Amino acid sequence: MGSKQIAQETFDDAVQENITEFEMEPEEAVREAVQQFEAQGVDLSNIVKAVRPPASENGQRQKHQILLVGAQTAALSLRVK
């Protein structure tokens, strides 16, 4: 049986909940989320373990900068082929 995995959005939501519900500092909220998911046997190797940027002015959720760069790099590599 494989390891359990979660989506980036699930992790980000848990971190945000730690910040708003439990009044944790962002770094503490990330650490707590990592500990909780790992205790449940969740593989976090595909997760950016950082606080997601706040929503944009129009309320749209922002992506982590590293995910944006990765998507741009993938798009560029497809154009080169």
C-alpha atoms as a PDB file:
ATOM      1  CA  MET A   1       0.000   0.000   0.000  1.00  0.00           C
ATOM      2  CA  GLY A   2       1.392   3.426  -0.973  1.00  0.00           C
ATOM      3  CA  SER A   3       1.873   6.452   1.197  1.00  0.00           C
ATOM      4  CA  LYS A   4      -0.960   8.881   1.683  1.00  0.00           C
ATOM      5  CA  GLN A   5      -0.571  12.190  -0.105  1.00  0.00           C
ATOM      6  CA  ILE A   6      -2.452  15.454   0.067  1.00  0.00           C
ATOM      7  CA  ALA A   7      -2.868  18.365  -2.309  1.00  0.00           C
ATOM      8  CA  GLN A   8      -0.967  21.607  -1.823  1.00  0.00           C
ATOM      9  CA  GLU A   9      -4.287  23.341  -1.188  1.00  0.00           C
ATOM     10  CA  THR A  10      -5.076  20.972   1.702  1.00  0.00           C
ATOM     11  CA  PHE A  11      -1.749  21.743   3.342  1.00  0.00           C
ATOM     12  CA  ASP A  12      -2.161  25.480   2.789  1.00  0.00           C
ATOM     13  CA  ASP A  13      -5.660  25.371   4.293  1.00  0.00           C
ATOM     14  CA  ALA A  14      -4.350  23.583   7.388  1.00  0.00           C
ATOM     15  CA  VAL A  15      -1.606  26.193   7.807  1.00  0.00           C
ATOM     16  CA  GLN A  16      -4.101  29.028   7.399  1.00  0.00           C
ATOM     17  CA  GLU A  17      -6.397  27.410   9.952  1.00  0.00           C
ATOM     18  CA  ASN A  18      -3.516  27.216  12.432  1.00  0.00           C
ATOM     19  CA  ILE A  19      -2.889  30.928  11.914  1.00  0.00           C
ATOM     20  CA  THR A  20      -6.501  32.087  12.196  1.00  0.00           C
ATOM     21  CA  GLU A  21      -8.001  29.618  14.667  1.00  0.00           C
ATOM     22  CA  PHE A  22      -5.036  29.102  16.973  1.00  0.00           C
ATOM     23  CA  GLU A  23      -3.317  32.470  16.487  1.00  0.00           C
ATOM     24  CA  MET A  24       0.009  30.883  15.538  1.00  0.00           C
ATOM     25  CA  GLU A  25       2.798  32.736  13.816  1.00  0.00           C
ATOM     26  CA  PRO A  26       3.207  31.605  10.172  1.00  0.00           C
ATOM     27  CA  GLU A  27       6.381  29.598  10.749  1.00  0.00           C
ATOM     28  CA  GLU A  28       4.853  27.863  13.768  1.00  0.00           C
ATOM     29  CA  ALA A  29       1.681  27.119  11.788  1.00  0.00           C
ATOM     30  CA  VAL A  30       3.721  25.442   9.032  1.00  0.00           C
ATOM     31  CA  ARG A  31       5.711  23.362  11.545  1.00  0.00           C
ATOM     32  CA  GLU A  32       2.504  22.264  13.281  1.00  0.00           C
ATOM     33  CA  ALA A  33       0.839  21.298  10.001  1.00  0.00           C
ATOM     34  CA  VAL A  34       3.904  19.263   8.982  1.00  0.00           C
ATOM     35  CA  GLN A  35       3.927  17.468  12.339  1.00  0.00           C
ATOM     36  CA  GLN A  36       0.197  16.700  12.188  1.00  0.00           C
ATOM     37  CA  PHE A  37       0.261  15.336   8.643  1.00  0.00           C
ATOM     38  CA  GLU A  38       3.420  13.311   9.226  1.00  0.00           C
ATOM     39  CA  ALA A  39       1.865  11.824  12.391  1.00  0.00           C
ATOM     40  CA  GLN A  40      -0.986  10.623  10.145  1.00  0.00           C
ATOM     41  CA  GLY A  41       1.492   8.978   7.777  1.00  0.00           C
ATOM     42  CA  VAL A  42       1.091  11.543   4.991  1.00  0.00           C
ATOM     43  CA  ASP A  43       3.941  11.846   2.486  1.00  0.00           C
ATOM     44  CA  LEU A  44       4.723  15.568   2.222  1.00  0.00           C
ATOM     45  CA  SER A  45       7.502  15.266  -0.350  1.00  0.00           C
ATOM     46  CA  ASN A  46       5.296  16.943  -2.978  1.00  0.00           C
ATOM     47  CA  ILE A  47       4.300  19.850  -0.719  1.00  0.00           C
ATOM     48  CA  VAL A  48       5.762  23.358  -0.527  1.00  0.00           C
ATOM     49  CA  LYS A  49       6.165  23.824   3.202  1.00  0.00           C
ATOM     50  CA  ALA A  50       5.735  27.576   3.379  1.00  0.00           C
ATOM     51  CA  VAL A  51       2.958  30.035   4.021  1.00  0.00           C
ATOM     52  CA  ARG A  52       0.977  30.766   0.860  1.00  0.00           C
ATOM     53  CA  PRO A  53       0.879  34.426  -0.156  1.00  0.00           C
ATOM     54  CA  PRO A  54      -2.327  36.233   0.818  1.00  0.00           C
ATOM     55  CA  ALA A  55      -5.229  36.402  -1.641  1.00  0.00           C
ATOM     56  CA  SER A  56      -4.992  38.969  -4.405  1.00  0.00           C
ATOM     57  CA  GLU A  57      -7.073  42.135  -4.419  1.00  0.00           C
ATOM     58  CA  ASN A  58      -9.851  40.355  -6.322  1.00  0.00           C
ATOM     59  CA  GLY A  59      -9.943  37.592  -3.700  1.00  0.00           C
ATOM     60  CA  GLN A  60      -8.229  34.999  -5.896  1.00  0.00           C
ATOM     61  CA  ARG A  61      -5.914  32.603  -4.084  1.00  0.00           C
ATOM     62  CA  GLN A  62      -2.250  33.049  -4.868  1.00  0.00           C
ATOM     63  CA  LYS A  63       0.129  30.191  -5.648  1.00  0.00           C
ATOM     64  CA  HIS A  64       3.502  29.703  -4.038  1.00  0.00           C
ATOM     65  CA  GLN A  65       6.253  31.407  -6.020  1.00  0.00           C
ATOM     66  CA  ILE A  66       8.128  28.126  -6.470  1.00  0.00           C
ATOM     67  CA  LEU A  67       5.038  26.544  -8.061  1.00  0.00           C
ATOM     68  CA  LEU A  68       4.716  29.453 -10.473  1.00  0.00           C
ATOM     69  CA  VAL A  69       8.367  29.167 -11.493  1.00  0.00           C
ATOM     70  CA  GLY A  70       7.984  25.414 -11.946  1.00  0.00           C
ATOM     71  CA  ALA A  71       4.972  25.877 -14.206  1.00  0.00           C
ATOM     72  CA  GLN A  72       6.798  28.500 -16.270  1.00  0.00           C
ATOM     73  CA  THR A  73       9.832  26.240 -16.613  1.00  0.00           C
ATOM     74  CA  ALA A  74       7.654  23.327 -17.728  1.00  0.00           C
ATOM     75  CA  ALA A  75       5.914  25.525 -20.306  1.00  0.00           C
ATOM     76  CA  LEU A  76       9.246  26.728 -21.668  1.00  0.00           C
ATOM     77  CA  SER A  77      10.632  23.211 -21.950  1.00  0.00           C
ATOM     78  CA  LEU A  78       7.580  22.170 -23.966  1.00  0.00           C
ATOM     79  CA  ARG A  79       8.183  25.033 -26.422  1.00  0.00           C
ATOM     80  CA  VAL A  80      11.812  24.023 -26.941  1.00  0.00           C
ATOM     81  CA  LYS A  81      10.991  20.443 -27.948  1.00  0.00           C
END
